[in-house]
Amino acid sequence: MKTLNLIVNRREVSVAIDPKTPLLDVLRNELDLASPRFGCGEEQCGACRVKVGSHLMYACTTTVGEVQDAVTTVEGLGTLETPHPLQQAFMDLNAGQCGYCLSGILVTASALLNANPAPSRSDVMAALDAHLCRCGAHNRIINALLKAAEES
């Protein structure tokens, strides 16, 4: 056990934990953040993706001891009162169905818009290639991301 200091969603937190613990376990079980999800545990589905600094990471395979920068989950994008433009666009277009994959997709989409504020449809498709949506809402998801880009 070691006490680790982290910044998660712009908030400083300390956790007493083995540094080899997956970041996903820390986010969900120690910090009670529900958005990053366990999907496959093998970096194949994107449900656990978070931003660490400006980089996208798979929280299922990244250990908490590897984290050297601020972590952002979907809870850090916006609030109920002031949703992030992506969250608003996803709600406006009913882009999600079951929602299991959406937190990873929204975090990835925010990283894309930070790097490229005016992405093309093919840019969006390439950025979201690492994400699986078993509900088949891909077209609505892509359209919501493009809408958010237009309105930002």
Protein backbone atom coordinates (compact mmCIF):
# COMPACT_ATOMS: atom_id res chain seq x y z
CA MET A 1 0.00 0.00 0.00
CA LYS A 2 1.13 3.46 -0.85
CA THR A 3 -0.62 6.82 -0.63
CA LEU A 4 -0.90 8.30 -4.12
CA ASN A 5 -1.96 11.85 -4.84
CA LEU A 6 -3.92 12.34 -8.03
CA ILE A 7 -5.87 15.04 -9.78
CA VAL A 8 -9.13 13.61 -11.08
CA ASN A 9 -11.66 15.85 -12.80
CA ARG A 10 -9.86 18.96 -11.53
CA ARG A 11 -10.02 17.72 -7.93
CA GLU A 12 -7.05 16.64 -5.81
CA VAL A 13 -7.51 13.23 -4.22
CA SER A 14 -5.36 10.84 -2.19
CA VAL A 15 -5.75 7.09 -2.22
CA ALA A 16 -3.93 4.48 -0.17
CA ILE A 17 -3.55 1.67 -2.67
CA ASP A 18 -1.12 -0.68 -4.38
CA PRO A 19 0.37 1.28 -7.32
CA LYS A 20 -0.16 -1.80 -9.54
CA THR A 21 -3.95 -1.48 -9.17
CA PRO A 22 -5.68 -0.72 -12.46
CA LEU A 23 -6.71 2.92 -12.77
CA LEU A 24 -10.24 1.75 -13.59
CA ASP A 25 -10.54 0.06 -10.19
CA VAL A 26 -9.38 3.22 -8.43
CA LEU A 27 -11.78 5.46 -10.36
CA ARG A 28 -14.80 3.24 -9.82
CA ASN A 29 -14.17 1.64 -6.43
CA GLU A 30 -12.13 4.24 -4.54
CA LEU A 31 -13.44 7.47 -6.07
CA ASP A 32 -17.02 6.34 -6.85
CA LEU A 33 -16.91 7.49 -10.48
CA ALA A 34 -19.41 5.45 -12.44
CA SER A 35 -18.63 6.55 -15.99
CA PRO A 36 -15.49 4.60 -16.91
CA ARG A 37 -16.68 1.06 -17.48
CA PHE A 38 -15.10 -2.35 -17.65
CA GLY A 39 -15.86 -3.85 -21.02
CA CYS A 40 -13.14 -6.26 -22.05
CA GLY A 41 -10.03 -5.63 -19.96
CA GLU A 42 -7.89 -5.89 -23.12
CA GLU A 43 -8.02 -2.41 -24.72
CA GLN A 44 -10.46 -3.66 -27.34
CA CYS A 45 -13.73 -1.83 -26.61
CA GLY A 46 -12.94 1.68 -25.32
CA ALA A 47 -15.54 1.68 -22.54
CA CYS A 48 -12.84 2.49 -19.96
CA ARG A 49 -11.02 5.24 -21.87
CA VAL A 50 -10.06 8.36 -19.94
CA LYS A 51 -7.76 11.29 -20.60
CA VAL A 52 -4.51 11.43 -18.65
CA GLY A 53 -3.20 14.88 -19.40
CA SER A 54 -3.91 15.22 -23.10
CA HIS A 55 -3.45 11.52 -23.85
CA LEU A 56 -6.19 8.91 -24.09
CA MET A 57 -5.54 5.89 -21.91
CA TYR A 58 -7.28 2.61 -21.28
CA ALA A 59 -8.05 2.67 -17.56
CA CYS A 60 -8.46 -1.12 -17.51
CA THR A 61 -4.77 -1.74 -18.31
CA THR A 62 -3.11 1.44 -17.01
CA THR A 63 -2.02 1.09 -13.40
CA VAL A 64 -2.64 3.96 -10.99
CA GLY A 65 1.11 4.08 -10.36
CA GLU A 66 1.70 4.94 -14.02
CA VAL A 67 -0.49 8.05 -13.84
CA GLN A 68 1.68 11.15 -13.94
CA ASP A 69 -0.87 13.76 -15.02
CA ALA A 70 -4.45 14.87 -14.37
CA VAL A 71 -7.17 12.33 -15.14
CA THR A 72 -10.41 13.34 -16.85
CA THR A 73 -13.48 11.13 -17.02
CA VAL A 74 -16.84 12.05 -18.51
CA GLU A 75 -17.83 13.44 -15.09
CA GLY A 76 -15.12 16.06 -15.62
CA LEU A 77 -16.47 17.31 -18.94
CA GLY A 78 -19.60 19.12 -17.80
CA THR A 79 -22.32 19.25 -15.18
CA LEU A 80 -26.06 18.63 -15.18
CA GLU A 81 -26.60 22.39 -15.11
CA THR A 82 -23.95 23.15 -17.75
CA PRO A 83 -23.28 20.13 -19.94
CA HIS A 84 -20.25 20.05 -22.19
CA PRO A 85 -21.24 20.80 -25.82
CA LEU A 86 -20.61 17.13 -26.63
CA GLN A 87 -22.92 15.97 -23.87
CA GLN A 88 -25.60 18.40 -25.06
CA ALA A 89 -25.28 17.28 -28.68
CA PHE A 90 -25.49 13.62 -27.65
CA MET A 91 -28.68 14.37 -25.69
CA ASP A 92 -30.16 16.50 -28.50
CA LEU A 93 -29.65 13.76 -31.08
CA ASN A 94 -30.36 10.80 -28.77
CA ALA A 95 -26.94 9.52 -29.79
CA GLY A 96 -26.77 6.79 -27.19
CA GLN A 97 -28.94 3.79 -26.72
CA CYS A 98 -27.85 1.73 -23.71
CA GLY A 99 -25.05 4.20 -22.88
CA TYR A 100 -22.50 1.64 -21.74
CA CYS A 101 -19.88 2.78 -24.26
CA LEU A 102 -20.67 6.50 -24.21
CA SER A 103 -18.35 7.65 -21.44
CA GLY A 104 -15.28 6.41 -23.30
CA ILE A 105 -16.62 7.78 -26.56
CA LEU A 106 -17.32 11.21 -25.03
CA VAL A 107 -13.83 11.43 -23.52
CA THR A 108 -12.29 10.43 -26.84
CA ALA A 109 -14.51 12.92 -28.67
CA SER A 110 -13.43 15.72 -26.33
CA ALA A 111 -9.78 14.89 -27.01
CA LEU A 112 -10.49 14.96 -30.74
CA LEU A 113 -12.20 18.37 -30.54
CA ASN A 114 -9.35 19.74 -28.43
CA ALA A 115 -6.86 18.67 -31.09
CA ASN A 116 -9.08 19.39 -34.10
CA PRO A 117 -12.01 21.78 -33.49
CA ALA A 118 -13.42 21.21 -37.00
CA PRO A 119 -13.06 17.49 -37.74
CA SER A 120 -14.37 15.89 -40.90
CA ARG A 121 -16.65 12.87 -40.78
CA SER A 122 -13.65 10.66 -41.60
CA ASP A 123 -11.62 12.29 -38.77
CA VAL A 124 -14.44 11.43 -36.36
CA MET A 125 -14.69 7.88 -37.64
CA ALA A 126 -10.92 7.39 -37.28
CA ALA A 127 -10.91 8.82 -33.73
CA LEU A 128 -13.76 6.54 -32.66
CA ASP A 129 -12.36 3.43 -34.33
CA ALA A 130 -11.14 2.05 -30.98
CA HIS A 131 -14.69 2.08 -29.58
CA LEU A 132 -17.33 -0.60 -29.83
CA CYS A 133 -21.02 0.24 -29.62
CA ARG A 134 -23.01 -2.95 -29.67
CA CYS A 135 -26.31 -1.04 -29.95
CA GLY A 136 -25.48 0.15 -33.45
CA ALA A 137 -25.78 3.86 -32.65
CA HIS A 138 -22.61 4.73 -34.57
CA ASN A 139 -24.26 7.09 -37.06
CA ARG A 140 -26.02 9.06 -34.32
CA ILE A 141 -22.79 9.21 -32.31
CA ILE A 142 -20.82 10.53 -35.31
CA ASN A 143 -23.55 13.07 -36.08
CA ALA A 144 -23.62 14.27 -32.47
CA LEU A 145 -19.86 14.76 -32.43
CA LEU A 146 -20.03 16.73 -35.70
CA LYS A 147 -22.89 18.83 -34.28
CA ALA A 148 -20.86 19.61 -31.16
CA ALA A 149 -17.92 20.65 -33.35
CA GLU A 150 -20.15 23.01 -35.35
CA GLU A 151 -21.60 24.58 -32.21
CA SER A 152 -18.34 24.98 -30.30
